[in-house]
Amino acid sequence: MEDSAPPVSTPPSKPATGAKATIERFSAAVHRYTELFFEKLTTIVVYHPAVTIGLVFLFVVIMAQGVWFYKEELSPDKQFSPRSSQAVKDEDWVLDRFGYENRPVQTMFEAKEGVNMLTKESLLFMMEMHEWLLSQWKIIDGKNVTYEVVCARYTKGDDCKIPVSVLTFWGHNRTRLEADPDPLTTINTVSWRSLEPSGPPLDFYLGKPEYNAAGEVVSARATRIDYNFKNEKVEISGVGEDDPQSRYFEI
């Protein structure tokens, strides 16, 4: 009869020490108290359903305060800055003493793939949209609000500030553009600085422009028209400060 091998005994593991022991005790405590909490919570729910429903209803009412006091904010500047911030307080201080700046508004035109926004056809489309904007009107607070009402002026009594775009080459005038046999040549021969001596360069109003070897612009994927509107904000109940007249044209 063969002798059986003696059993292999595993030496007892050493108790954890230091940081490892602390983490293990913390984990055990969390597990124990979490289990105890939910055990008591389950007892309350089972034996006191009316109290449970009442507490849930009270919780919903308290959390709904944010919805009841909801305030719509139309100004994009204020959507990112709380009214209590120092930046907003500084802005209010400046505006109370010096008034509001004009509100710049851009109208963007982006062509489909393969379409050049500097062709005569595309420029006439831009002109059509520009004229459509100028013709818009709406009754706001009993007043007939037109572009002439909301456009910014250098001083009271001046004409509206002229929009700036590639259409500036023709003074934003349809007749002059229609009479131009080659608008692209006009863009490359008439000095932009003679039209806008202090403003951004022409590239600022073109999206993805392309040039030939002579440095002449031959195409653009997008264009824009820059307008300037008044910014006469008033306090509107439930909304805050806004300028509904200018905002109608901005939208």
Protein backbone atom coordinates (compact mmCIF):
# COMPACT_ATOMS: atom_id res chain seq x y z
CA MET A 1 0.00 0.00 0.00
CA GLU A 2 1.47 3.30 -1.09
CA ASP A 3 1.76 6.12 1.36
CA SER A 4 -0.41 9.18 0.46
CA ALA A 5 1.33 12.51 0.14
CA PRO A 6 0.90 14.76 3.14
CA PRO A 7 -1.57 17.63 2.61
CA VAL A 8 -0.06 20.91 1.54
CA SER A 9 -0.89 23.60 4.00
CA THR A 10 -1.26 27.23 2.88
CA PRO A 11 0.33 29.69 5.22
CA PRO A 12 -2.12 32.22 6.61
CA SER A 13 -2.14 35.53 4.76
CA LYS A 14 -0.75 38.46 6.60
CA PRO A 15 -3.26 41.11 7.56
CA ALA A 16 -3.14 44.22 5.39
CA THR A 17 -1.31 47.15 6.81
CA GLY A 18 -0.93 50.80 6.06
CA ALA A 19 -2.92 52.42 3.27
CA LYS A 20 -4.31 49.10 2.05
CA ALA A 21 -5.78 48.32 5.48
CA THR A 22 -7.35 51.77 5.66
CA ILE A 23 -9.00 51.35 2.26
CA GLU A 24 -10.35 47.91 3.21
CA ARG A 25 -11.83 49.22 6.47
CA PHE A 26 -13.34 52.18 4.65
CA SER A 27 -14.89 49.92 1.98
CA ALA A 28 -16.32 47.59 4.64
CA ALA A 29 -17.80 50.56 6.52
CA VAL A 30 -19.38 51.98 3.37
CA HIS A 31 -20.88 48.60 2.50
CA ARG A 32 -22.21 48.10 6.04
CA TYR A 33 -23.82 51.55 6.38
CA THR A 34 -25.21 51.51 2.85
CA GLU A 35 -26.85 48.16 3.51
CA LEU A 36 -28.25 49.44 6.80
CA PHE A 37 -29.59 52.63 5.19
CA PHE A 38 -31.47 50.84 2.43
CA GLU A 39 -32.79 48.26 4.91
CA LYS A 40 -34.32 51.04 7.01
CA LEU A 41 -35.58 52.85 3.89
CA THR A 42 -37.28 49.68 2.70
CA THR A 43 -38.96 49.29 6.11
CA ILE A 44 -40.32 52.84 5.95
CA VAL A 45 -41.65 52.39 2.41
CA VAL A 46 -43.34 49.08 3.26
CA TYR A 47 -44.88 50.04 6.60
CA HIS A 48 -45.53 53.74 5.94
CA PRO A 49 -46.66 54.12 2.32
CA ALA A 50 -48.61 57.33 2.99
CA VAL A 51 -45.55 59.00 4.48
CA THR A 52 -43.47 57.85 1.51
CA ILE A 53 -45.91 59.32 -1.01
CA GLY A 54 -46.09 62.56 0.94
CA LEU A 55 -42.31 62.93 1.08
CA VAL A 56 -41.96 62.22 -2.65
CA PHE A 57 -44.65 64.81 -3.44
CA LEU A 58 -42.90 67.37 -1.21
CA PHE A 59 -39.60 66.67 -2.95
CA VAL A 60 -41.19 67.24 -6.37
CA VAL A 61 -42.75 70.53 -5.22
CA ILE A 62 -39.44 71.81 -3.88
CA MET A 63 -37.53 70.83 -7.02
CA ALA A 64 -40.20 72.44 -9.23
CA GLN A 65 -39.32 75.88 -7.87
CA GLY A 66 -36.74 76.23 -10.61
CA VAL A 67 -39.40 75.70 -13.29
CA TRP A 68 -41.91 78.08 -11.66
CA PHE A 69 -39.34 80.86 -11.53
CA TYR A 70 -38.00 80.13 -15.02
CA LYS A 71 -37.00 83.26 -16.89
CA GLU A 72 -36.39 83.30 -20.62
CA GLU A 73 -33.15 84.99 -21.61
CA LEU A 74 -33.01 86.18 -25.22
CA SER A 75 -29.66 87.94 -25.09
CA PRO A 76 -26.92 85.50 -26.16
CA ASP A 77 -24.35 87.44 -24.11
CA LYS A 78 -26.25 86.83 -20.88
CA GLN A 79 -26.85 83.14 -21.55
CA PHE A 80 -23.20 82.48 -20.67
CA SER A 81 -22.77 84.99 -17.83
CA PRO A 82 -24.83 84.88 -14.62
CA ARG A 83 -26.38 88.21 -13.68
CA SER A 84 -24.51 88.15 -10.36
CA SER A 85 -21.07 87.97 -11.99
CA GLN A 86 -18.67 90.90 -11.77
CA ALA A 87 -18.41 91.05 -15.56
CA VAL A 88 -22.13 91.72 -15.92
CA LYS A 89 -22.05 94.34 -13.15
CA ASP A 90 -19.18 96.11 -14.90
CA GLU A 91 -21.07 96.00 -18.19
CA ASP A 92 -24.17 97.49 -16.56
CA TRP A 93 -22.04 100.28 -15.08
CA VAL A 94 -20.64 101.19 -18.50
CA LEU A 95 -23.99 100.99 -20.27
CA ASP A 96 -25.72 103.14 -17.65
CA ARG A 97 -23.20 105.91 -18.32
CA PHE A 98 -22.38 105.59 -22.00
CA GLY A 99 -25.32 103.73 -23.55
CA TYR A 100 -25.33 100.72 -25.82
CA GLU A 101 -23.11 100.08 -28.79
CA ASN A 102 -24.67 99.27 -32.12
CA ARG A 103 -25.62 95.65 -32.63
CA PRO A 104 -23.66 94.11 -35.53
CA VAL A 105 -25.60 91.46 -37.42
CA GLN A 106 -24.27 89.21 -40.17
CA THR A 107 -26.21 87.54 -42.94
CA MET A 108 -24.33 84.53 -44.29
CA PHE A 109 -24.59 83.03 -47.78
CA GLU A 110 -23.08 79.61 -48.44
CA ALA A 111 -23.18 78.08 -51.90
CA LYS A 112 -23.79 74.47 -52.79
CA GLU A 113 -20.84 72.35 -53.81
CA GLY A 114 -19.34 73.66 -57.04
CA VAL A 115 -21.23 76.99 -56.99
CA ASN A 116 -19.25 80.23 -57.06
CA MET A 117 -20.73 83.00 -54.91
CA LEU A 118 -18.91 85.64 -57.00
CA THR A 119 -20.78 85.00 -60.24
CA LYS A 120 -23.28 87.61 -61.35
CA GLU A 121 -26.16 85.22 -60.70
CA SER A 122 -25.04 84.59 -57.12
CA LEU A 123 -24.42 88.29 -56.46
CA LEU A 124 -27.90 89.14 -57.74
CA PHE A 125 -29.33 86.56 -55.35
CA MET A 126 -27.48 88.27 -52.50
CA MET A 127 -28.88 91.59 -53.66
CA GLU A 128 -32.39 90.14 -53.73
CA MET A 129 -32.08 88.96 -50.13
CA HIS A 130 -30.66 92.34 -49.09
CA GLU A 131 -33.60 94.16 -50.66
CA TRP A 132 -36.02 91.72 -49.03
CA LEU A 133 -34.59 92.57 -45.61
CA LEU A 134 -34.92 96.29 -46.26
CA SER A 135 -38.58 95.81 -47.19
CA GLN A 136 -39.56 93.97 -44.00
CA TRP A 137 -41.83 95.54 -41.38
CA LYS A 138 -43.79 94.51 -38.32
CA ILE A 139 -46.14 96.12 -35.82
CA ILE A 140 -44.41 95.98 -32.40
CA ASP A 141 -46.05 97.64 -29.39
CA GLY A 142 -48.33 99.53 -31.74
CA LYS A 143 -45.45 100.91 -33.84
CA ASN A 144 -44.71 100.18 -37.47
CA VAL A 145 -41.12 98.94 -37.26
CA THR A 146 -39.11 99.02 -40.50
CA TYR A 147 -35.42 98.78 -41.34
CA GLU A 148 -35.23 102.58 -41.27
CA VAL A 149 -36.42 102.48 -37.66
CA VAL A 150 -33.88 99.94 -36.38
CA CYS A 151 -30.81 100.74 -38.48
CA ALA A 152 -27.88 102.36 -36.70
CA ARG A 153 -26.86 105.93 -37.59
CA TYR A 154 -23.71 107.86 -36.83
CA THR A 155 -25.73 110.75 -35.41
CA LYS A 156 -29.42 111.51 -35.17
CA GLY A 157 -30.76 112.58 -38.55
CA ASP A 158 -28.05 110.80 -40.57
CA ASP A 159 -28.82 108.10 -43.08
CA CYS A 160 -28.57 104.48 -41.99
CA LYS A 161 -25.07 103.08 -41.76
CA ILE A 162 -24.37 101.40 -45.08
CA PRO A 163 -24.04 97.60 -44.88
CA VAL A 164 -20.67 96.14 -45.85
CA SER A 165 -20.20 93.15 -48.15
CA VAL A 166 -18.91 92.27 -51.58
CA LEU A 167 -21.98 94.17 -52.83
CA THR A 168 -20.23 97.35 -51.65
CA PHE A 169 -18.57 97.43 -55.09
CA TRP A 170 -21.99 98.42 -56.46
CA GLY A 171 -23.22 100.38 -53.46
CA HIS A 172 -25.74 97.63 -52.69
CA ASN A 173 -27.64 98.89 -55.73
CA ARG A 174 -29.31 96.36 -58.01
CA THR A 175 -29.34 98.61 -61.07
CA ARG A 176 -25.59 99.15 -60.94
CA LEU A 177 -24.93 95.44 -60.48
CA GLU A 178 -27.22 94.45 -63.35
CA ALA A 179 -25.46 96.96 -65.62
CA ASP A 180 -22.03 95.50 -64.82
CA PRO A 181 -21.09 93.07 -67.62
CA ASP A 182 -18.34 91.39 -65.57
CA PRO A 183 -18.70 91.71 -61.78
CA LEU A 184 -15.63 89.55 -61.10
CA THR A 185 -13.45 91.96 -63.08
CA THR A 186 -14.89 94.85 -61.07
CA ILE A 187 -13.99 93.06 -57.84
CA ASN A 188 -10.39 92.63 -58.97
CA THR A 189 -9.85 96.07 -60.51
CA VAL A 190 -11.62 98.45 -58.13
CA SER A 191 -9.63 99.07 -54.96
CA TRP A 192 -11.45 97.74 -51.91
CA ARG A 193 -9.61 100.24 -49.73
CA SER A 194 -11.07 103.08 -51.76
CA LEU A 195 -14.51 101.85 -50.70
CA GLU A 196 -13.71 100.73 -47.14
CA PRO A 197 -10.55 102.60 -46.09
CA SER A 198 -10.73 101.69 -42.39
CA GLY A 199 -12.62 98.40 -42.35
CA PRO A 200 -11.47 94.79 -42.64
CA PRO A 201 -10.03 93.55 -45.96
CA LEU A 202 -12.24 92.01 -48.62
CA ASP A 203 -11.22 88.48 -47.55
CA PHE A 204 -13.09 89.11 -44.31
CA TYR A 205 -16.37 88.98 -46.24
CA LEU A 206 -15.54 85.91 -48.33
CA GLY A 207 -15.58 82.27 -47.30
CA LYS A 208 -12.94 79.95 -48.76
CA PRO A 209 -11.83 82.36 -51.53
CA GLU A 210 -9.62 81.04 -54.34
CA TYR A 211 -7.06 83.06 -56.30
CA ASN A 212 -5.30 82.69 -59.61
CA ALA A 213 -1.54 82.99 -60.19
CA ALA A 214 -1.87 86.77 -60.50
CA GLY A 215 -3.41 87.01 -57.03
CA GLU A 216 -6.89 87.81 -58.32
CA VAL A 217 -9.86 86.30 -56.56
CA VAL A 218 -11.73 83.94 -58.88
CA SER A 219 -14.28 82.27 -56.59
CA ALA A 220 -15.65 82.05 -53.08
CA ARG A 221 -17.71 79.38 -51.38
CA ALA A 222 -19.49 81.82 -49.06
CA THR A 223 -20.13 85.53 -48.55
CA ARG A 224 -21.64 87.72 -45.85
CA ILE A 225 -23.36 91.07 -45.39
CA ASP A 226 -22.69 93.05 -42.22
CA TYR A 227 -25.49 95.26 -40.91
CA ASN A 228 -25.56 97.61 -37.94
CA PHE A 229 -28.75 97.85 -35.87
CA LYS A 230 -29.60 100.10 -32.97
CA ASN A 231 -29.37 98.50 -29.56
CA GLU A 232 -32.01 100.32 -27.54
CA LYS A 233 -32.80 97.75 -24.88
CA VAL A 234 -35.78 98.07 -22.57
CA GLU A 235 -36.90 96.08 -19.53
CA ILE A 236 -39.55 93.51 -20.51
CA SER A 237 -41.56 91.81 -17.79
CA GLY A 238 -40.69 88.12 -17.47
CA VAL A 239 -37.89 88.41 -20.03
CA GLY A 240 -35.41 91.01 -18.83
CA GLU A 241 -33.62 93.53 -21.01
CA ASP A 242 -34.14 93.18 -24.74
CA ASP A 243 -34.64 95.19 -27.91
CA PRO A 244 -37.62 93.52 -29.63
CA GLN A 245 -37.55 95.90 -32.59
CA SER A 246 -33.97 95.20 -33.66
CA ARG A 247 -34.25 91.54 -32.71
CA TYR A 248 -37.11 91.05 -35.18
CA PHE A 249 -34.75 91.98 -38.04
CA GLU A 250 -31.90 90.04 -36.48
CA ILE A 251 -33.93 86.83 -36.56
